[in-house]
PDB file of N, CA and C in Angstrom:
ATOM      1  N   MET A   1     -24.732 -18.413   6.426  1.00  0.00           N
ATOM      2  CA  MET A   1     -24.086 -17.123   6.231  1.00  0.00           C
ATOM      3  C   MET A   1     -23.162 -17.191   4.999  1.00  0.00           C
ATOM      4  N   PRO A   2     -23.271 -16.229   4.085  1.00  0.00           N
ATOM      5  CA  PRO A   2     -22.352 -16.229   2.947  1.00  0.00           C
ATOM      6  C   PRO A   2     -20.948 -15.778   3.368  1.00  0.00           C
ATOM      7  N   LYS A   3     -19.973 -16.136   2.555  1.00  0.00           N
ATOM      8  CA  LYS A   3     -18.595 -15.719   2.834  1.00  0.00           C
ATOM      9  C   LYS A   3     -18.450 -14.226   2.607  1.00  0.00           C
ATOM     10  N   MET A   4     -17.517 -13.602   3.334  1.00  0.00           N
ATOM     11  CA  MET A   4     -17.220 -12.184   3.132  1.00  0.00           C
ATOM     12  C   MET A   4     -16.337 -12.052   1.896  1.00  0.00           C
ATOM     13  N   LYS A   5     -16.642 -11.088   1.055  1.00  0.00           N
ATOM     14  CA  LYS A   5     -15.813 -10.855  -0.127  1.00  0.00           C
ATOM     15  C   LYS A   5     -14.689  -9.890   0.225  1.00  0.00           C
ATOM     16  N   SER A   6     -13.538 -10.093  -0.392  1.00  0.00           N
ATOM     17  CA  SER A   6     -12.430  -9.165  -0.179  1.00  0.00           C
ATOM     18  C   SER A   6     -12.659  -7.933  -1.051  1.00  0.00           C
ATOM     19  N   VAL A   7     -12.128  -6.805  -0.616  1.00  0.00           N
ATOM     20  CA  VAL A   7     -12.251  -5.555  -1.366  1.00  0.00           C
ATOM     21  C   VAL A   7     -11.180  -5.572  -2.455  1.00  0.00           C
ATOM     22  N   LYS A   8     -11.605  -5.675  -3.713  1.00  0.00           N
ATOM     23  CA  LYS A   8     -10.665  -5.860  -4.822  1.00  0.00           C
ATOM     24  C   LYS A   8      -9.716  -4.680  -4.993  1.00  0.00           C
ATOM     25  N   GLY A   9     -10.186  -3.476  -4.688  1.00  0.00           N
ATOM     26  CA  GLY A   9      -9.319  -2.296  -4.770  1.00  0.00           C
ATOM     27  C   GLY A   9      -8.173  -2.384  -3.780  1.00  0.00           C
ATOM     28  N   ALA A  10      -8.460  -2.914  -2.593  1.00  0.00           N
ATOM     29  CA  ALA A  10      -7.435  -3.066  -1.556  1.00  0.00           C
ATOM     30  C   ALA A  10      -6.462  -4.191  -1.924  1.00  0.00           C
ATOM     31  N   VAL A  11      -6.980  -5.257  -2.504  1.00  0.00           N
ATOM     32  CA  VAL A  11      -6.139  -6.400  -2.904  1.00  0.00           C
ATOM     33  C   VAL A  11      -5.094  -5.951  -3.925  1.00  0.00           C
ATOM     34  N   LYS A  12      -5.497  -5.060  -4.836  1.00  0.00           N
ATOM     35  CA  LYS A  12      -4.588  -4.570  -5.876  1.00  0.00           C
ATOM     36  C   LYS A  12      -3.551  -3.593  -5.329  1.00  0.00           C
ATOM     37  N   ARG A  13      -3.866  -2.905  -4.244  1.00  0.00           N
ATOM     38  CA  ARG A  13      -2.983  -1.858  -3.728  1.00  0.00           C
ATOM     39  C   ARG A  13      -2.009  -2.309  -2.649  1.00  0.00           C
ATOM     40  N   PHE A  14      -2.346  -3.355  -1.897  1.00  0.00           N
ATOM     41  CA  PHE A  14      -1.536  -3.759  -0.752  1.00  0.00           C
ATOM     42  C   PHE A  14      -1.048  -5.192  -0.893  1.00  0.00           C
ATOM     43  N   LYS A  15       0.093  -5.472  -0.234  1.00  0.00           N
ATOM     44  CA  LYS A  15       0.653  -6.823  -0.250  1.00  0.00           C
ATOM     45  C   LYS A  15       1.163  -7.148   1.150  1.00  0.00           C
ATOM     46  N   VAL A  16       0.741  -8.293   1.701  1.00  0.00           N
ATOM     47  CA  VAL A  16       1.187  -8.689   3.040  1.00  0.00           C
ATOM     48  C   VAL A  16       2.505  -9.449   2.902  1.00  0.00           C
ATOM     49  N   LYS A  17       3.528  -8.988   3.615  1.00  0.00           N
ATOM     50  CA  LYS A  17       4.843  -9.609   3.566  1.00  0.00           C
ATOM     51  C   LYS A  17       4.928 -10.722   4.616  1.00  0.00           C
ATOM     52  N   LYS A  18       5.996 -11.509   4.577  1.00  0.00           N
ATOM     53  CA  LYS A  18       6.174 -12.626   5.513  1.00  0.00           C
ATOM     54  C   LYS A  18       6.243 -12.158   6.963  1.00  0.00           C
ATOM     55  N   SER A  19       6.792 -10.969   7.171  1.00  0.00           N
ATOM     56  CA  SER A  19       6.917 -10.431   8.532  1.00  0.00           C
ATOM     57  C   SER A  19       5.564 -10.001   9.107  1.00  0.00           C
ATOM     58  N   GLY A  20       4.543  -9.901   8.242  1.00  0.00           N
ATOM     59  CA  GLY A  20       3.223  -9.466   8.681  1.00  0.00           C
ATOM     60  C   GLY A  20       2.959  -8.005   8.365  1.00  0.00           C
ATOM     61  N   LYS A  21       4.016  -7.295   7.939  1.00  0.00           N
ATOM     62  CA  LYS A  21       3.847  -5.896   7.552  1.00  0.00           C
ATOM     63  C   LYS A  21       3.088  -5.831   6.222  1.00  0.00           C
ATOM     64  N   ILE A  22       2.400  -4.721   6.000  1.00  0.00           N
ATOM     65  CA  ILE A  22       1.658  -4.544   4.754  1.00  0.00           C
ATOM     66  C   ILE A  22       2.362  -3.485   3.919  1.00  0.00           C
ATOM     67  N   LYS A  23       2.801  -3.900   2.729  1.00  0.00           N
ATOM     68  CA  LYS A  23       3.516  -2.997   1.839  1.00  0.00           C
ATOM     69  C   LYS A  23       2.498  -2.181   1.045  1.00  0.00           C
ATOM     70  N   ARG A  24       2.833  -0.911   0.791  1.00  0.00           N
ATOM     71  CA  ARG A  24       1.934  -0.035   0.046  1.00  0.00           C
ATOM     72  C   ARG A  24       2.718   0.744  -1.002  1.00  0.00           C
ATOM     73  N   GLY A  25       2.007   1.382  -1.901  1.00  0.00           N
ATOM     74  CA  GLY A  25       2.628   2.211  -2.922  1.00  0.00           C
ATOM     75  C   GLY A  25       2.926   3.605  -2.396  1.00  0.00           C
ATOM     76  N   THR A  26       3.609   4.384  -3.201  1.00  0.00           N
ATOM     77  CA  THR A  26       3.947   5.752  -2.847  1.00  0.00           C
ATOM     78  C   THR A  26       3.097   6.720  -3.652  1.00  0.00           C
ATOM     79  N   ALA A  27       2.673   7.801  -3.043  1.00  0.00           N
ATOM     80  CA  ALA A  27       1.902   8.831  -3.734  1.00  0.00           C
ATOM     81  C   ALA A  27       2.821   9.682  -4.615  1.00  0.00           C
ATOM     82  N   PHE A  28       2.228  10.349  -5.586  1.00  0.00           N
ATOM     83  CA  PHE A  28       2.920  11.308  -6.475  1.00  0.00           C
ATOM     84  C   PHE A  28       3.998  10.658  -7.341  1.00  0.00           C
ATOM     85  N   ARG A  29       3.711   9.454  -7.873  1.00  0.00           N
ATOM     86  CA  ARG A  29       4.685   8.757  -8.714  1.00  0.00           C
ATOM     87  C   ARG A  29       4.216   8.572 -10.156  1.00  0.00           C
ATOM     88  N   SER A  30       3.056   9.093 -10.503  1.00  0.00           N
ATOM     89  CA  SER A  30       2.488   8.766 -11.802  1.00  0.00           C
ATOM     90  C   SER A  30       3.000   9.625 -12.961  1.00  0.00           C
ATOM     91  N   HIS A  31       2.931  10.946 -12.850  1.00  0.00           N
ATOM     92  CA  HIS A  31       3.350  11.803 -13.963  1.00  0.00           C
ATOM     93  C   HIS A  31       3.742  13.183 -13.447  1.00  0.00           C
ATOM     94  N   ILE A  32       4.253  14.020 -14.350  1.00  0.00           N
ATOM     95  CA  ILE A  32       4.784  15.355 -14.041  1.00  0.00           C
ATOM     96  C   ILE A  32       5.832  15.267 -12.916  1.00  0.00           C
ATOM     97  N   LEU A  33       6.791  14.387 -13.097  1.00  0.00           N
ATOM     98  CA  LEU A  33       7.836  14.194 -12.092  1.00  0.00           C
ATOM     99  C   LEU A  33       8.962  15.214 -12.244  1.00  0.00           C
ATOM    100  N   THR A  34       8.938  15.975 -13.335  1.00  0.00           N
ATOM    101  CA  THR A  34       9.996  16.967 -13.563  1.00  0.00           C
ATOM    102  C   THR A  34       9.952  18.094 -12.534  1.00  0.00           C
ATOM    103  N   LYS A  35       8.792  18.348 -11.968  1.00  0.00           N
ATOM    104  CA  LYS A  35       8.660  19.390 -10.951  1.00  0.00           C
ATOM    105  C   LYS A  35       9.256  18.963  -9.619  1.00  0.00           C
ATOM    106  N   GLN A  36       9.403  17.659  -9.439  1.00  0.00           N
ATOM    107  CA  GLN A  36       9.903  17.155  -8.154  1.00  0.00           C
ATOM    108  C   GLN A  36      11.414  17.220  -8.087  1.00  0.00           C
ATOM    109  N   ASP A  37      11.900  17.395  -6.878  1.00  0.00           N
ATOM    110  CA  ASP A  37      13.326  17.358  -6.592  1.00  0.00           C
ATOM    111  C   ASP A  37      13.849  15.951  -6.865  1.00  0.00           C
ATOM    112  N   ALA A  38      15.111  15.829  -7.256  1.00  0.00           N
ATOM    113  CA  ALA A  38      15.712  14.516  -7.496  1.00  0.00           C
ATOM    114  C   ALA A  38      15.718  13.695  -6.209  1.00  0.00           C
ATOM    115  N   LYS A  39      15.941  14.373  -5.084  1.00  0.00           N
ATOM    116  CA  LYS A  39      15.956  13.708  -3.776  1.00  0.00           C
ATOM    117  C   LYS A  39      14.590  13.094  -3.468  1.00  0.00           C
ATOM    118  N   THR A  40      13.519  13.829  -3.761  1.00  0.00           N
ATOM    119  CA  THR A  40      12.162  13.347  -3.515  1.00  0.00           C
ATOM    120  C   THR A  40      11.866  12.119  -4.366  1.00  0.00           C
ATOM    121  N   ARG A  41      12.231  12.190  -5.657  1.00  0.00           N
ATOM    122  CA  ARG A  41      11.990  11.062  -6.561  1.00  0.00           C
ATOM    123  C   ARG A  41      12.768   9.830  -6.116  1.00  0.00           C
ATOM    124  N   ARG A  42      13.984  10.033  -5.656  1.00  0.00           N
ATOM    125  CA  ARG A  42      14.823   8.921  -5.201  1.00  0.00           C
ATOM    126  C   ARG A  42      14.234   8.276  -3.949  1.00  0.00           C
ATOM    127  N   LYS A  43      13.707   9.086  -3.043  1.00  0.00           N
ATOM    128  CA  LYS A  43      13.104   8.575  -1.809  1.00  0.00           C
ATOM    129  C   LYS A  43      11.862   7.727  -2.098  1.00  0.00           C
ATOM    130  N   GLN A  44      11.186   8.024  -3.198  1.00  0.00           N
ATOM    131  CA  GLN A  44       9.961   7.303  -3.528  1.00  0.00           C
ATOM    132  C   GLN A  44      10.227   5.879  -4.028  1.00  0.00           C
ATOM    133  N   HIS A  45      11.483   5.541  -4.296  1.00  0.00           N
ATOM    134  CA  HIS A  45      11.825   4.175  -4.699  1.00  0.00           C
ATOM    135  C   HIS A  45      11.805   3.208  -3.511  1.00  0.00           C
ATOM    136  N   THR A  46      12.034   3.727  -2.302  1.00  0.00           N
ATOM    137  CA  THR A  46      12.127   2.857  -1.133  1.00  0.00           C
ATOM    138  C   THR A  46      10.768   2.262  -0.766  1.00  0.00           C
ATOM    139  N   ALA A  47      10.794   1.120  -0.116  1.00  0.00           N
ATOM    140  CA  ALA A  47       9.560   0.430   0.278  1.00  0.00           C
ATOM    141  C   ALA A  47       8.835   1.216   1.356  1.00  0.00           C
ATOM    142  N   LYS A  48       7.527   1.277   1.236  1.00  0.00           N
ATOM    143  CA  LYS A  48       6.688   1.964   2.219  1.00  0.00           C
ATOM    144  C   LYS A  48       5.738   0.944   2.838  1.00  0.00           C
ATOM    145  N   TYR A  49       5.464   1.117   4.123  1.00  0.00           N
ATOM    146  CA  TYR A  49       4.584   0.195   4.831  1.00  0.00           C
ATOM    147  C   TYR A  49       3.441   0.951   5.492  1.00  0.00           C
ATOM    148  N   VAL A  50       2.335   0.260   5.661  1.00  0.00           N
ATOM    149  CA  VAL A  50       1.137   0.828   6.273  1.00  0.00           C
ATOM    150  C   VAL A  50       1.386   1.034   7.766  1.00  0.00           C
ATOM    151  N   ALA A  51       0.790   2.075   8.328  1.00  0.00           N
ATOM    152  CA  ALA A  51       0.922   2.371   9.756  1.00  0.00           C
ATOM    153  C   ALA A  51       0.256   1.279  10.590  1.00  0.00           C
ATOM    154  N   LYS A  52       0.763   1.064  11.784  1.00  0.00           N
ATOM    155  CA  LYS A  52       0.232   0.039  12.700  1.00  0.00           C
ATOM    156  C   LYS A  52      -1.261   0.214  12.936  1.00  0.00           C
ATOM    157  N   SER A  53      -1.703   1.470  13.067  1.00  0.00           N
ATOM    158  CA  SER A  53      -3.109   1.749  13.367  1.00  0.00           C
ATOM    159  C   SER A  53      -4.048   1.340  12.237  1.00  0.00           C
ATOM    160  N   ASP A  54      -3.553   1.284  11.003  1.00  0.00           N
ATOM    161  CA  ASP A  54      -4.388   0.934   9.849  1.00  0.00           C
ATOM    162  C   ASP A  54      -4.298  -0.543   9.457  1.00  0.00           C
ATOM    163  N   GLU A  55      -3.324  -1.261  10.004  1.00  0.00           N
ATOM    164  CA  GLU A  55      -3.080  -2.648   9.595  1.00  0.00           C
ATOM    165  C   GLU A  55      -4.298  -3.552   9.760  1.00  0.00           C
ATOM    166  N   LYS A  56      -4.992  -3.449  10.881  1.00  0.00           N
ATOM    167  CA  LYS A  56      -6.132  -4.327  11.160  1.00  0.00           C
ATOM    168  C   LYS A  56      -7.228  -4.165  10.094  1.00  0.00           C
ATOM    169  N   ASN A  57      -7.566  -2.917   9.774  1.00  0.00           N
ATOM    170  CA  ASN A  57      -8.610  -2.654   8.795  1.00  0.00           C
ATOM    171  C   ASN A  57      -8.245  -3.175   7.405  1.00  0.00           C
ATOM    172  N   ILE A  58      -6.991  -2.983   7.008  1.00  0.00           N
ATOM    173  CA  ILE A  58      -6.558  -3.403   5.689  1.00  0.00           C
ATOM    174  C   ILE A  58      -6.512  -4.926   5.595  1.00  0.00           C
ATOM    175  N   LYS A  59      -6.051  -5.595   6.658  1.00  0.00           N
ATOM    176  CA  LYS A  59      -6.030  -7.054   6.657  1.00  0.00           C
ATOM    177  C   LYS A  59      -7.432  -7.630   6.529  1.00  0.00           C
ATOM    178  N   GLU A  60      -8.416  -6.977   7.152  1.00  0.00           N
ATOM    179  CA  GLU A  60      -9.811  -7.413   7.022  1.00  0.00           C
ATOM    180  C   GLU A  60     -10.304  -7.284   5.603  1.00  0.00           C
ATOM    181  N   MET A  61      -9.895  -6.204   4.924  1.00  0.00           N
ATOM    182  CA  MET A  61     -10.307  -5.987   3.541  1.00  0.00           C
ATOM    183  C   MET A  61      -9.670  -6.993   2.591  1.00  0.00           C
ATOM    184  N   ILE A  62      -8.417  -7.339   2.854  1.00  0.00           N
ATOM    185  CA  ILE A  62      -7.675  -8.223   1.946  1.00  0.00           C
ATOM    186  C   ILE A  62      -8.031  -9.695   2.155  1.00  0.00           C
ATOM    187  N   VAL A  63      -8.064 -10.144   3.391  1.00  0.00           N
ATOM    188  CA  VAL A  63      -8.122 -11.577   3.684  1.00  0.00           C
ATOM    189  C   VAL A  63      -9.536 -12.104   3.891  1.00  0.00           C
ATOM    190  N   SER A  64     -10.559 -11.301   3.636  1.00  0.00           N
ATOM    191  CA  SER A  64     -11.927 -11.781   3.873  1.00  0.00           C
ATOM    192  C   SER A  64     -12.290 -12.965   3.019  1.00  0.00           C
TER     193      SER A  64
END
């Protein structure tokens, strides 16, 4: 049986932390930020994590 390949798109987007949580990026951060409220832009700086229900699937994609 050949080894399973990891999904390169997922590897670039997610990072597994020591606690086991999976860190992810925030949407709507690329351009045209002038339309956004200052509060919204500030909130997007904080760390975001993947939901518990999605963790299993993402770990399979990353660690294969």
